[in-house]
Amino acid sequence: MNQPATIKKSKTASYYAWVGVFFLCLAGLIGALYYSTIKIDYVWRWYRIPQYFIFKEKIDIKSQVVGRISEISYHNGKALIIVKTDGEDKTYAVPEGDIKVSKGEYVNHGYVLAFYEKWKPGILLQGLWLTIKVSAIATLLGILIGLIGGLARLSSNPAFKWASIIYIEIIRGSPLLVQIFIWYFVLGTLINTILGKYGINPIPPLWYGVAALACFTGAYVAEIVRAGIQSIHRGQVEASRSLGMTYAQSMRYVVLPQALRRILPPLAGQFISLIKDSSLLGIIAIRELSKATREVVTTSLQPFELWFVCALLYLVLTFTLSMFVQYLERRTAV
């Protein structure tokens, strides 16, 4: 009579035993890493990491004229410094507590009258924001390109179908790094040269990087969309057409809503890869997260802490996207 309870108890004990094994292995890995850093005489400086996310910048207010301080007045936490010159007097509004001159003092051009501190985003935060921006734009464009490419791949029109096949095979058959080089050095040079002849400002490298990521992702999304549409039974299309729906209406109201639920997991994997692939844009002078980390490592000589932080930030981005897609899967589940 007590056999089921005994089995359940043994399973519970086994579960907690394996949990202990997991944490023991994790502790061993961390200990091995720490031991390795001791052997190479590495000094951890985690306290220096926050300044690469946000810091206080000292901003000097300098005199733009040559003259003498004729008056310093205070009002609502601000100080007004009037510099008397041979011509028109110059007035500066500065923070009250950070004045470095006194009344009657002679100042030259570029002399610091006062200073104030302002919070500014650090290089890692700037790189993280640029990675999010590039990934978001490339994701939206990739979805649009992939949706059009997937529908064209299934089209009976040979021009649309063959063009889609050529696009998909070329993009999927060449490395992303090569495509980024082509977009930036070949197409970018060509387009910016033409724009320069007409007096138009050149397109920044950022947008060539976004275009490369969007086209690369669009090819994979097109195949995902094609597979999702073909997974829907043909009888549903025929039933919707028999009800008087056009082909576009059948796709919009019958096929695509069902296909979306099936293609969400592979789409999530593709967009997670897109976030990680954005690290390649550093080769064309785009300061995304990886390039920003490399620059900080070069100046601070803290490779261990900074690369761990960089990996953690990428993990936060990809995990957040994964959780969002899982939320969409639950919302669209039948």
C-alpha atoms as a PDB file:
ATOM      1  CA  MET A   1       0.000   0.000   0.000  1.00  0.00           C
ATOM      2  CA  ASN A   2       2.897   2.380   0.683  1.00  0.00           C
ATOM      3  CA  GLN A   3       4.779   1.576  -2.524  1.00  0.00           C
ATOM      4  CA  PRO A   4       3.571   4.642  -4.567  1.00  0.00           C
ATOM      5  CA  ALA A   5       4.511   6.967  -1.722  1.00  0.00           C
ATOM      6  CA  THR A   6       7.928   5.325  -1.514  1.00  0.00           C
ATOM      7  CA  ILE A   7       8.479   5.769  -5.259  1.00  0.00           C
ATOM      8  CA  LYS A   8       7.421   9.405  -5.076  1.00  0.00           C
ATOM      9  CA  LYS A   9       9.770  10.010  -2.150  1.00  0.00           C
ATOM     10  CA  SER A  10      12.692   8.385  -3.984  1.00  0.00           C
ATOM     11  CA  LYS A  11      12.017  10.526  -7.044  1.00  0.00           C
ATOM     12  CA  THR A  12      12.010  13.667  -4.913  1.00  0.00           C
ATOM     13  CA  ALA A  13      15.272  12.712  -3.281  1.00  0.00           C
ATOM     14  CA  SER A  14      16.826  11.988  -6.672  1.00  0.00           C
ATOM     15  CA  TYR A  15      15.648  15.355  -7.980  1.00  0.00           C
ATOM     16  CA  TYR A  16      17.253  17.290  -5.139  1.00  0.00           C
ATOM     17  CA  ALA A  17      20.403  15.204  -5.469  1.00  0.00           C
ATOM     18  CA  TRP A  18      20.781  16.262  -9.109  1.00  0.00           C
ATOM     19  CA  VAL A  19      20.048  19.868  -8.150  1.00  0.00           C
ATOM     20  CA  GLY A  20      22.946  19.613  -5.744  1.00  0.00           C
ATOM     21  CA  VAL A  21      25.147  18.153  -8.496  1.00  0.00           C
ATOM     22  CA  PHE A  22      24.252  21.090 -10.761  1.00  0.00           C
ATOM     23  CA  PHE A  23      25.164  23.729  -8.199  1.00  0.00           C
ATOM     24  CA  LEU A  24      28.307  21.817  -7.267  1.00  0.00           C
ATOM     25  CA  CYS A  25      29.430  21.829 -10.912  1.00  0.00           C
ATOM     26  CA  LEU A  26      28.586  25.535 -11.170  1.00  0.00           C
ATOM     27  CA  ALA A  27      30.598  26.307  -8.039  1.00  0.00           C
ATOM     28  CA  GLY A  28      33.467  24.217  -9.411  1.00  0.00           C
ATOM     29  CA  LEU A  29      33.424  26.165 -12.679  1.00  0.00           C
ATOM     30  CA  ILE A  30      33.475  29.508 -10.858  1.00  0.00           C
ATOM     31  CA  GLY A  31      36.229  28.262  -8.563  1.00  0.00           C
ATOM     32  CA  ALA A  32      38.315  27.081 -11.514  1.00  0.00           C
ATOM     33  CA  LEU A  33      37.942  30.481 -13.167  1.00  0.00           C
ATOM     34  CA  TYR A  34      38.945  32.265  -9.984  1.00  0.00           C
ATOM     35  CA  TYR A  35      41.932  29.950  -9.525  1.00  0.00           C
ATOM     36  CA  SER A  36      43.015  30.641 -13.100  1.00  0.00           C
ATOM     37  CA  THR A  37      42.926  34.400 -12.528  1.00  0.00           C
ATOM     38  CA  ILE A  38      45.079  33.975  -9.420  1.00  0.00           C
ATOM     39  CA  LYS A  39      47.629  31.991 -11.385  1.00  0.00           C
ATOM     40  CA  ILE A  40      47.924  34.703 -14.030  1.00  0.00           C
ATOM     41  CA  ASP A  41      48.060  37.405 -11.345  1.00  0.00           C
ATOM     42  CA  TYR A  42      44.861  39.131 -12.498  1.00  0.00           C
ATOM     43  CA  VAL A  43      43.255  41.792 -10.289  1.00  0.00           C
ATOM     44  CA  TRP A  44      39.480  41.999 -10.496  1.00  0.00           C
ATOM     45  CA  ARG A  45      38.156  45.574 -10.634  1.00  0.00           C
ATOM     46  CA  TRP A  46      34.376  45.241 -10.668  1.00  0.00           C
ATOM     47  CA  TYR A  47      34.045  48.610  -8.932  1.00  0.00           C
ATOM     48  CA  ARG A  48      35.158  50.338 -12.147  1.00  0.00           C
ATOM     49  CA  ILE A  49      32.379  48.820 -14.295  1.00  0.00           C
ATOM     50  CA  PRO A  50      29.512  51.250 -13.378  1.00  0.00           C
ATOM     51  CA  GLN A  51      31.361  54.245 -14.858  1.00  0.00           C
ATOM     52  CA  TYR A  52      31.082  52.648 -18.306  1.00  0.00           C
ATOM     53  CA  PHE A  53      27.287  52.709 -18.004  1.00  0.00           C
ATOM     54  CA  ILE A  54      26.738  56.176 -16.549  1.00  0.00           C
ATOM     55  CA  PHE A  55      29.108  58.839 -15.260  1.00  0.00           C
ATOM     56  CA  LYS A  56      29.299  62.495 -14.283  1.00  0.00           C
ATOM     57  CA  GLU A  57      30.970  64.678 -16.868  1.00  0.00           C
ATOM     58  CA  LYS A  58      32.585  67.948 -15.828  1.00  0.00           C
ATOM     59  CA  ILE A  59      31.538  70.700 -18.257  1.00  0.00           C
ATOM     60  CA  ASP A  60      33.470  73.976 -18.216  1.00  0.00           C
ATOM     61  CA  ILE A  61      31.853  77.315 -19.043  1.00  0.00           C
ATOM     62  CA  LYS A  62      34.517  79.393 -20.729  1.00  0.00           C
ATOM     63  CA  SER A  63      34.701  83.062 -21.546  1.00  0.00           C
ATOM     64  CA  GLN A  64      34.258  83.857 -25.211  1.00  0.00           C
ATOM     65  CA  VAL A  65      35.571  87.414 -24.861  1.00  0.00           C
ATOM     66  CA  VAL A  66      38.469  89.313 -23.266  1.00  0.00           C
ATOM     67  CA  GLY A  67      37.493  91.630 -20.442  1.00  0.00           C
ATOM     68  CA  ARG A  68      36.955  92.133 -16.733  1.00  0.00           C
ATOM     69  CA  ILE A  69      34.301  90.648 -14.443  1.00  0.00           C
ATOM     70  CA  SER A  70      32.090  93.641 -13.712  1.00  0.00           C
ATOM     71  CA  GLU A  71      29.320  91.964 -11.754  1.00  0.00           C
ATOM     72  CA  ILE A  72      28.296  88.592 -10.256  1.00  0.00           C
ATOM     73  CA  SER A  73      24.662  88.315  -9.153  1.00  0.00           C
ATOM     74  CA  TYR A  74      22.676  85.362  -7.806  1.00  0.00           C
ATOM     75  CA  HIS A  75      19.104  84.430  -8.611  1.00  0.00           C
ATOM     76  CA  ASN A  76      17.150  81.155  -8.126  1.00  0.00           C
ATOM     77  CA  GLY A  77      20.235  78.993  -7.704  1.00  0.00           C
ATOM     78  CA  LYS A  78      21.943  80.544 -10.723  1.00  0.00           C
ATOM     79  CA  ALA A  79      24.696  83.085 -10.966  1.00  0.00           C
ATOM     80  CA  LEU A  80      24.931  85.736 -13.662  1.00  0.00           C
ATOM     81  CA  ILE A  81      28.497  86.675 -14.559  1.00  0.00           C
ATOM     82  CA  ILE A  82      28.890  89.864 -16.594  1.00  0.00           C
ATOM     83  CA  VAL A  83      32.163  90.295 -18.455  1.00  0.00           C
ATOM     84  CA  LYS A  84      32.782  93.953 -19.402  1.00  0.00           C
ATOM     85  CA  THR A  85      34.572  94.440 -22.689  1.00  0.00           C
ATOM     86  CA  ASP A  86      35.482  97.395 -24.894  1.00  0.00           C
ATOM     87  CA  GLY A  87      32.361  96.736 -26.916  1.00  0.00           C
ATOM     88  CA  GLU A  88      29.207  94.931 -25.790  1.00  0.00           C
ATOM     89  CA  ASP A  89      29.159  93.252 -22.351  1.00  0.00           C
ATOM     90  CA  LYS A  90      28.771  89.467 -22.260  1.00  0.00           C
ATOM     91  CA  THR A  91      26.527  87.714 -19.682  1.00  0.00           C
ATOM     92  CA  TYR A  92      26.910  84.080 -18.618  1.00  0.00           C
ATOM     93  CA  ALA A  93      24.383  82.084 -16.562  1.00  0.00           C
ATOM     94  CA  VAL A  94      26.245  79.487 -14.473  1.00  0.00           C
ATOM     95  CA  PRO A  95      25.520  77.244 -11.462  1.00  0.00           C
ATOM     96  CA  GLU A  96      25.773  79.205  -8.221  1.00  0.00           C
ATOM     97  CA  GLY A  97      28.160  76.949  -6.332  1.00  0.00           C
ATOM     98  CA  ASP A  98      30.746  76.276  -9.043  1.00  0.00           C
ATOM     99  CA  ILE A  99      32.102  79.735  -9.877  1.00  0.00           C
ATOM    100  CA  LYS A 100      35.868  80.003 -10.368  1.00  0.00           C
ATOM    101  CA  VAL A 101      36.204  83.796 -10.820  1.00  0.00           C
ATOM    102  CA  SER A 102      35.603  86.828  -8.654  1.00  0.00           C
ATOM    103  CA  LYS A 103      34.422  90.394  -9.285  1.00  0.00           C
ATOM    104  CA  GLY A 104      37.041  92.623 -10.833  1.00  0.00           C
ATOM    105  CA  GLU A 105      39.114  89.727 -12.152  1.00  0.00           C
ATOM    106  CA  TYR A 106      40.527  90.012 -15.672  1.00  0.00           C
ATOM    107  CA  VAL A 107      39.740  87.065 -17.991  1.00  0.00           C
ATOM    108  CA  ASN A 108      41.057  86.080 -21.401  1.00  0.00           C
ATOM    109  CA  HIS A 109      39.352  84.231 -24.188  1.00  0.00           C
ATOM    110  CA  GLY A 110      38.825  80.591 -23.129  1.00  0.00           C
ATOM    111  CA  TYR A 111      39.232  81.295 -19.401  1.00  0.00           C
ATOM    112  CA  VAL A 112      37.065  78.962 -17.265  1.00  0.00           C
ATOM    113  CA  LEU A 113      34.399  81.005 -15.488  1.00  0.00           C
ATOM    114  CA  ALA A 114      32.573  78.111 -13.845  1.00  0.00           C
ATOM    115  CA  PHE A 115      31.805  74.449 -14.288  1.00  0.00           C
ATOM    116  CA  TYR A 116      28.992  71.990 -13.632  1.00  0.00           C
ATOM    117  CA  GLU A 117      28.587  68.233 -13.612  1.00  0.00           C
ATOM    118  CA  LYS A 118      26.066  66.383 -15.740  1.00  0.00           C
ATOM    119  CA  TRP A 119      25.120  62.714 -15.814  1.00  0.00           C
ATOM    120  CA  LYS A 120      25.868  61.144 -19.190  1.00  0.00           C
ATOM    121  CA  PRO A 121      25.492  57.610 -20.557  1.00  0.00           C
ATOM    122  CA  GLY A 122      28.718  55.627 -20.659  1.00  0.00           C
ATOM    123  CA  ILE A 123      30.161  53.877 -23.679  1.00  0.00           C
ATOM    124  CA  LEU A 124      28.656  50.487 -22.787  1.00  0.00           C
ATOM    125  CA  LEU A 125      25.192  51.980 -22.376  1.00  0.00           C
ATOM    126  CA  GLN A 126      25.556  53.778 -25.707  1.00  0.00           C
ATOM    127  CA  GLY A 127      26.659  50.537 -27.361  1.00  0.00           C
ATOM    128  CA  LEU A 128      23.757  48.634 -25.792  1.00  0.00           C
ATOM    129  CA  TRP A 129      21.261  51.219 -27.011  1.00  0.00           C
ATOM    130  CA  LEU A 130      22.708  51.112 -30.533  1.00  0.00           C
ATOM    131  CA  THR A 131      22.508  47.303 -30.539  1.00  0.00           C
ATOM    132  CA  ILE A 132      18.833  47.475 -29.516  1.00  0.00           C
ATOM    133  CA  LYS A 133      18.133  50.138 -32.126  1.00  0.00           C
ATOM    134  CA  VAL A 134      19.854  48.273 -34.967  1.00  0.00           C
ATOM    135  CA  SER A 135      18.278  44.945 -34.004  1.00  0.00           C
ATOM    136  CA  ALA A 136      14.773  46.411 -33.727  1.00  0.00           C
ATOM    137  CA  ILE A 137      14.910  48.168 -37.105  1.00  0.00           C
ATOM    138  CA  ALA A 138      16.502  45.164 -38.833  1.00  0.00           C
ATOM    139  CA  THR A 139      13.888  42.862 -37.268  1.00  0.00           C
ATOM    140  CA  LEU A 140      10.964  44.926 -38.563  1.00  0.00           C
ATOM    141  CA  LEU A 141      12.481  45.208 -42.036  1.00  0.00           C
ATOM    142  CA  GLY A 142      13.402  41.510 -41.984  1.00  0.00           C
ATOM    143  CA  ILE A 143       9.795  40.556 -41.176  1.00  0.00           C
ATOM    144  CA  LEU A 144       8.528  42.707 -44.050  1.00  0.00           C
ATOM    145  CA  ILE A 145      11.104  41.346 -46.511  1.00  0.00           C
ATOM    146  CA  GLY A 146      10.556  37.781 -45.335  1.00  0.00           C
ATOM    147  CA  LEU A 147       6.777  37.994 -45.582  1.00  0.00           C
ATOM    148  CA  ILE A 148       6.963  39.355 -49.133  1.00  0.00           C
ATOM    149  CA  GLY A 149       9.671  36.851 -50.075  1.00  0.00           C
ATOM    150  CA  GLY A 150       7.744  33.910 -48.599  1.00  0.00           C
ATOM    151  CA  LEU A 151       4.550  34.811 -50.441  1.00  0.00           C
ATOM    152  CA  ALA A 152       6.506  35.374 -53.657  1.00  0.00           C
ATOM    153  CA  ARG A 153       8.172  31.975 -53.180  1.00  0.00           C
ATOM    154  CA  LEU A 154       4.713  30.343 -53.261  1.00  0.00           C
ATOM    155  CA  SER A 155       3.409  32.498 -56.099  1.00  0.00           C
ATOM    156  CA  SER A 156       2.459  30.953 -59.447  1.00  0.00           C
ATOM    157  CA  ASN A 157       3.958  33.995 -61.161  1.00  0.00           C
ATOM    158  CA  PRO A 158       7.379  32.839 -62.444  1.00  0.00           C
ATOM    159  CA  ALA A 159       8.939  36.316 -62.155  1.00  0.00           C
ATOM    160  CA  PHE A 160       8.055  36.612 -58.456  1.00  0.00           C
ATOM    161  CA  LYS A 161       8.860  32.985 -57.670  1.00  0.00           C
ATOM    162  CA  TRP A 162      12.226  32.846 -59.424  1.00  0.00           C
ATOM    163  CA  ALA A 163      13.309  36.250 -58.069  1.00  0.00           C
ATOM    164  CA  SER A 164      12.477  35.059 -54.544  1.00  0.00           C
ATOM    165  CA  ILE A 165      14.383  31.789 -55.032  1.00  0.00           C
ATOM    166  CA  ILE A 166      17.480  33.596 -56.333  1.00  0.00           C
ATOM    167  CA  TYR A 167      17.378  36.092 -53.453  1.00  0.00           C
ATOM    168  CA  ILE A 168      16.981  33.389 -50.801  1.00  0.00           C
ATOM    169  CA  GLU A 169      19.697  31.123 -52.196  1.00  0.00           C
ATOM    170  CA  ILE A 170      22.239  33.927 -52.662  1.00  0.00           C
ATOM    171  CA  ILE A 171      21.699  35.378 -49.188  1.00  0.00           C
ATOM    172  CA  ARG A 172      21.646  32.032 -47.392  1.00  0.00           C
ATOM    173  CA  GLY A 173      24.607  30.778 -49.395  1.00  0.00           C
ATOM    174  CA  SER A 174      27.029  33.557 -48.424  1.00  0.00           C
ATOM    175  CA  PRO A 175      28.375  34.612 -44.996  1.00  0.00           C
ATOM    176  CA  LEU A 176      26.860  37.622 -43.261  1.00  0.00           C
ATOM    177  CA  LEU A 177      30.333  39.145 -42.849  1.00  0.00           C
ATOM    178  CA  VAL A 178      30.828  39.151 -46.633  1.00  0.00           C
ATOM    179  CA  GLN A 179      27.390  40.718 -47.132  1.00  0.00           C
ATOM    180  CA  ILE A 180      28.197  43.484 -44.657  1.00  0.00           C
ATOM    181  CA  PHE A 181      31.404  44.236 -46.575  1.00  0.00           C
ATOM    182  CA  ILE A 182      29.480  44.353 -49.866  1.00  0.00           C
ATOM    183  CA  TRP A 183      26.813  46.646 -48.463  1.00  0.00           C
ATOM    184  CA  TYR A 184      29.328  49.042 -46.917  1.00  0.00           C
ATOM    185  CA  PHE A 185      32.340  49.051 -49.241  1.00  0.00           C
ATOM    186  CA  VAL A 186      30.667  48.333 -52.590  1.00  0.00           C
ATOM    187  CA  LEU A 187      27.054  49.510 -52.491  1.00  0.00           C
ATOM    188  CA  GLY A 188      27.776  52.176 -49.877  1.00  0.00           C
ATOM    189  CA  THR A 189      30.607  53.692 -51.900  1.00  0.00           C
ATOM    190  CA  LEU A 190      28.514  53.619 -55.057  1.00  0.00           C
ATOM    191  CA  ILE A 191      25.399  55.143 -53.474  1.00  0.00           C
ATOM    192  CA  ASN A 192      27.266  57.833 -51.527  1.00  0.00           C
ATOM    193  CA  THR A 193      29.265  58.804 -54.613  1.00  0.00           C
ATOM    194  CA  ILE A 194      26.068  59.297 -56.606  1.00  0.00           C
ATOM    195  CA  LEU A 195      24.471  61.259 -53.741  1.00  0.00           C
ATOM    196  CA  GLY A 196      27.587  63.450 -53.480  1.00  0.00           C
ATOM    197  CA  LYS A 197      27.336  64.410 -57.150  1.00  0.00           C
ATOM    198  CA  TYR A 198      23.862  65.815 -56.499  1.00  0.00           C
ATOM    199  CA  GLY A 199      24.906  67.601 -53.301  1.00  0.00           C
ATOM    200  CA  ILE A 200      23.091  65.179 -50.981  1.00  0.00           C
ATOM    201  CA  ASN A 201      24.636  64.162 -47.667  1.00  0.00           C
ATOM    202  CA  PRO A 202      26.052  60.611 -47.638  1.00  0.00           C
ATOM    203  CA  ILE A 203      24.198  57.818 -45.869  1.00  0.00           C
ATOM    204  CA  PRO A 204      25.849  56.894 -42.519  1.00  0.00           C
ATOM    205  CA  PRO A 205      27.397  53.422 -42.121  1.00  0.00           C
ATOM    206  CA  LEU A 206      24.691  52.528 -39.589  1.00  0.00           C
ATOM    207  CA  TRP A 207      22.034  52.207 -42.277  1.00  0.00           C
ATOM    208  CA  TYR A 208      24.180  49.999 -44.478  1.00  0.00           C
ATOM    209  CA  GLY A 209      24.646  47.731 -41.486  1.00  0.00           C
ATOM    210  CA  VAL A 210      20.889  47.689 -40.870  1.00  0.00           C
ATOM    211  CA  ALA A 211      20.286  46.887 -44.549  1.00  0.00           C
ATOM    212  CA  ALA A 212      22.753  43.994 -44.438  1.00  0.00           C
ATOM    213  CA  LEU A 213      21.134  42.518 -41.318  1.00  0.00           C
ATOM    214  CA  ALA A 214      17.599  43.021 -42.655  1.00  0.00           C
ATOM    215  CA  CYS A 215      18.332  41.365 -46.018  1.00  0.00           C
ATOM    216  CA  PHE A 216      20.152  38.496 -44.339  1.00  0.00           C
ATOM    217  CA  THR A 217      17.317  37.904 -41.864  1.00  0.00           C
ATOM    218  CA  GLY A 218      14.641  38.384 -44.525  1.00  0.00           C
ATOM    219  CA  ALA A 219      15.925  35.397 -46.516  1.00  0.00           C
ATOM    220  CA  TYR A 220      15.574  33.063 -43.537  1.00  0.00           C
ATOM    221  CA  VAL A 221      12.220  34.540 -42.540  1.00  0.00           C
ATOM    222  CA  ALA A 222      10.975  33.972 -46.095  1.00  0.00           C
ATOM    223  CA  GLU A 223      11.709  30.249 -45.824  1.00  0.00           C
ATOM    224  CA  ILE A 224      10.088  30.131 -42.368  1.00  0.00           C
ATOM    225  CA  VAL A 225       6.974  31.860 -43.732  1.00  0.00           C
ATOM    226  CA  ARG A 226       6.872  29.525 -46.741  1.00  0.00           C
ATOM    227  CA  ALA A 227       7.108  26.446 -44.528  1.00  0.00           C
ATOM    228  CA  GLY A 228       4.438  27.811 -42.185  1.00  0.00           C
ATOM    229  CA  ILE A 229       1.995  28.509 -45.005  1.00  0.00           C
ATOM    230  CA  GLN A 230       2.562  25.116 -46.615  1.00  0.00           C
ATOM    231  CA  SER A 231       1.906  23.427 -43.260  1.00  0.00           C
ATOM    232  CA  ILE A 232      -1.721  24.610 -43.402  1.00  0.00           C
ATOM    233  CA  HIS A 233      -3.935  22.034 -45.083  1.00  0.00           C
ATOM    234  CA  ARG A 234      -4.853  22.941 -48.638  1.00  0.00           C
ATOM    235  CA  GLY A 235      -8.489  22.147 -47.897  1.00  0.00           C
ATOM    236  CA  GLN A 236      -8.806  25.261 -45.767  1.00  0.00           C
ATOM    237  CA  VAL A 237      -7.730  27.439 -48.659  1.00  0.00           C
ATOM    238  CA  GLU A 238     -10.174  25.699 -50.970  1.00  0.00           C
ATOM    239  CA  ALA A 239     -12.963  26.077 -48.385  1.00  0.00           C
ATOM    240  CA  SER A 240     -12.311  29.793 -48.001  1.00  0.00           C
ATOM    241  CA  ARG A 241     -12.227  30.284 -51.763  1.00  0.00           C
ATOM    242  CA  SER A 242     -15.525  28.422 -52.096  1.00  0.00           C
ATOM    243  CA  LEU A 243     -17.038  30.937 -49.667  1.00  0.00           C
ATOM    244  CA  GLY A 244     -16.213  33.744 -52.071  1.00  0.00           C
ATOM    245  CA  MET A 245     -12.920  34.937 -50.588  1.00  0.00           C
ATOM    246  CA  THR A 246     -10.176  36.160 -52.843  1.00  0.00           C
ATOM    247  CA  TYR A 247      -6.686  34.676 -52.620  1.00  0.00           C
ATOM    248  CA  ALA A 248      -5.482  37.704 -50.597  1.00  0.00           C
ATOM    249  CA  GLN A 249      -8.451  37.457 -48.210  1.00  0.00           C
ATOM    250  CA  SER A 250      -7.890  33.731 -47.780  1.00  0.00           C
ATOM    251  CA  MET A 251      -4.261  34.342 -46.892  1.00  0.00           C
ATOM    252  CA  ARG A 252      -5.069  37.203 -44.513  1.00  0.00           C
ATOM    253  CA  TYR A 253      -7.999  35.730 -42.602  1.00  0.00           C
ATOM    254  CA  VAL A 254      -7.477  31.960 -42.802  1.00  0.00           C
ATOM    255  CA  VAL A 255      -3.924  30.873 -43.611  1.00  0.00           C
ATOM    256  CA  LEU A 256      -1.604  33.485 -42.062  1.00  0.00           C
ATOM    257  CA  PRO A 257      -3.245  33.574 -38.576  1.00  0.00           C
ATOM    258  CA  GLN A 258      -2.795  29.797 -38.292  1.00  0.00           C
ATOM    259  CA  ALA A 259       0.682  29.839 -39.815  1.00  0.00           C
ATOM    260  CA  LEU A 260       1.776  32.564 -37.391  1.00  0.00           C
ATOM    261  CA  ARG A 261       1.284  30.276 -34.404  1.00  0.00           C
ATOM    262  CA  ARG A 262       3.485  27.644 -36.020  1.00  0.00           C
ATOM    263  CA  ILE A 263       6.294  29.940 -37.144  1.00  0.00           C
ATOM    264  CA  LEU A 264       6.700  31.922 -33.906  1.00  0.00           C
ATOM    265  CA  PRO A 265       9.324  29.556 -32.368  1.00  0.00           C
ATOM    266  CA  PRO A 266      11.627  29.515 -35.437  1.00  0.00           C
ATOM    267  CA  LEU A 267      11.117  33.263 -35.857  1.00  0.00           C
ATOM    268  CA  ALA A 268      12.208  33.799 -32.252  1.00  0.00           C
ATOM    269  CA  GLY A 269      15.369  31.799 -32.899  1.00  0.00           C
ATOM    270  CA  GLN A 270      16.104  33.840 -36.012  1.00  0.00           C
ATOM    271  CA  PHE A 271      15.654  37.170 -34.260  1.00  0.00           C
ATOM    272  CA  ILE A 272      17.798  36.045 -31.328  1.00  0.00           C
ATOM    273  CA  SER A 273      20.508  35.206 -33.859  1.00  0.00           C
ATOM    274  CA  LEU A 274      20.020  38.664 -35.379  1.00  0.00           C
ATOM    275  CA  ILE A 275      20.785  40.341 -32.037  1.00  0.00           C
ATOM    276  CA  LYS A 276      24.002  38.344 -31.740  1.00  0.00           C
ATOM    277  CA  ASP A 277      24.905  38.873 -35.411  1.00  0.00           C
ATOM    278  CA  SER A 278      24.704  42.636 -34.885  1.00  0.00           C
ATOM    279  CA  SER A 279      28.111  42.326 -33.177  1.00  0.00           C
ATOM    280  CA  LEU A 280      29.645  42.003 -36.675  1.00  0.00           C
ATOM    281  CA  LEU A 281      28.764  45.626 -37.460  1.00  0.00           C
ATOM    282  CA  GLY A 282      31.775  46.775 -35.460  1.00  0.00           C
ATOM    283  CA  ILE A 283      33.945  46.006 -38.491  1.00  0.00           C
ATOM    284  CA  ILE A 284      32.378  48.969 -40.351  1.00  0.00           C
ATOM    285  CA  ALA A 285      32.942  51.469 -37.518  1.00  0.00           C
ATOM    286  CA  ILE A 286      29.512  51.076 -35.881  1.00  0.00           C
ATOM    287  CA  ARG A 287      29.972  51.255 -32.114  1.00  0.00           C
ATOM    288  CA  GLU A 288      27.508  48.586 -31.054  1.00  0.00           C
ATOM    289  CA  LEU A 289      27.905  46.674 -27.812  1.00  0.00           C
ATOM    290  CA  SER A 290      30.806  44.415 -28.853  1.00  0.00           C
ATOM    291  CA  LYS A 291      32.839  47.220 -30.392  1.00  0.00           C
ATOM    292  CA  ALA A 292      32.198  49.443 -27.369  1.00  0.00           C
ATOM    293  CA  THR A 293      33.414  46.626 -25.131  1.00  0.00           C
ATOM    294  CA  ARG A 294      36.578  46.186 -27.202  1.00  0.00           C
ATOM    295  CA  GLU A 295      37.327  49.905 -26.946  1.00  0.00           C
ATOM    296  CA  VAL A 296      36.891  49.883 -23.161  1.00  0.00           C
ATOM    297  CA  VAL A 297      39.048  46.758 -22.807  1.00  0.00           C
ATOM    298  CA  THR A 298      41.790  48.452 -24.815  1.00  0.00           C
ATOM    299  CA  THR A 299      41.864  51.492 -22.536  1.00  0.00           C
ATOM    300  CA  SER A 300      41.128  49.885 -19.156  1.00  0.00           C
ATOM    301  CA  LEU A 301      42.902  46.518 -19.520  1.00  0.00           C
ATOM    302  CA  GLN A 302      39.973  44.733 -17.833  1.00  0.00           C
ATOM    303  CA  PRO A 303      39.087  41.950 -20.289  1.00  0.00           C
ATOM    304  CA  PHE A 304      37.558  39.499 -17.799  1.00  0.00           C
ATOM    305  CA  GLU A 305      35.026  41.829 -16.169  1.00  0.00           C
ATOM    306  CA  LEU A 306      34.052  43.638 -19.365  1.00  0.00           C
ATOM    307  CA  TRP A 307      33.531  40.561 -21.535  1.00  0.00           C
ATOM    308  CA  PHE A 308      31.486  38.951 -18.767  1.00  0.00           C
ATOM    309  CA  VAL A 309      29.348  42.102 -18.620  1.00  0.00           C
ATOM    310  CA  CYS A 310      29.051  42.150 -22.417  1.00  0.00           C
ATOM    311  CA  ALA A 311      27.890  38.524 -22.478  1.00  0.00           C
ATOM    312  CA  LEU A 312      25.405  39.243 -19.687  1.00  0.00           C
ATOM    313  CA  LEU A 313      23.932  42.191 -21.596  1.00  0.00           C
ATOM    314  CA  TYR A 314      23.471  40.074 -24.725  1.00  0.00           C
ATOM    315  CA  LEU A 315      21.862  37.389 -22.553  1.00  0.00           C
ATOM    316  CA  VAL A 316      19.429  39.938 -21.126  1.00  0.00           C
ATOM    317  CA  LEU A 317      18.432  41.058 -24.636  1.00  0.00           C
ATOM    318  CA  THR A 318      17.975  37.555 -26.035  1.00  0.00           C
ATOM    319  CA  PHE A 319      16.225  36.226 -22.925  1.00  0.00           C
ATOM    320  CA  THR A 320      13.802  39.175 -22.930  1.00  0.00           C
ATOM    321  CA  LEU A 321      12.970  38.526 -26.584  1.00  0.00           C
ATOM    322  CA  SER A 322      12.519  34.817 -25.887  1.00  0.00           C
ATOM    323  CA  MET A 323      10.113  35.548 -23.024  1.00  0.00           C
ATOM    324  CA  PHE A 324       8.163  37.980 -25.217  1.00  0.00           C
ATOM    325  CA  VAL A 325       7.771  35.376 -27.967  1.00  0.00           C
ATOM    326  CA  GLN A 326       6.609  32.806 -25.418  1.00  0.00           C
ATOM    327  CA  TYR A 327       4.029  35.329 -24.251  1.00  0.00           C
ATOM    328  CA  LEU A 328       2.831  35.735 -27.844  1.00  0.00           C
ATOM    329  CA  GLU A 329       2.640  31.959 -28.210  1.00  0.00           C
ATOM    330  CA  ARG A 330       0.375  31.729 -25.155  1.00  0.00           C
ATOM    331  CA  ARG A 331      -1.800  34.594 -26.424  1.00  0.00           C
ATOM    332  CA  THR A 332      -2.226  33.055 -29.875  1.00  0.00           C
ATOM    333  CA  ALA A 333      -2.665  29.472 -28.663  1.00  0.00           C
ATOM    334  CA  VAL A 334      -5.962  27.841 -29.586  1.00  0.00           C
END
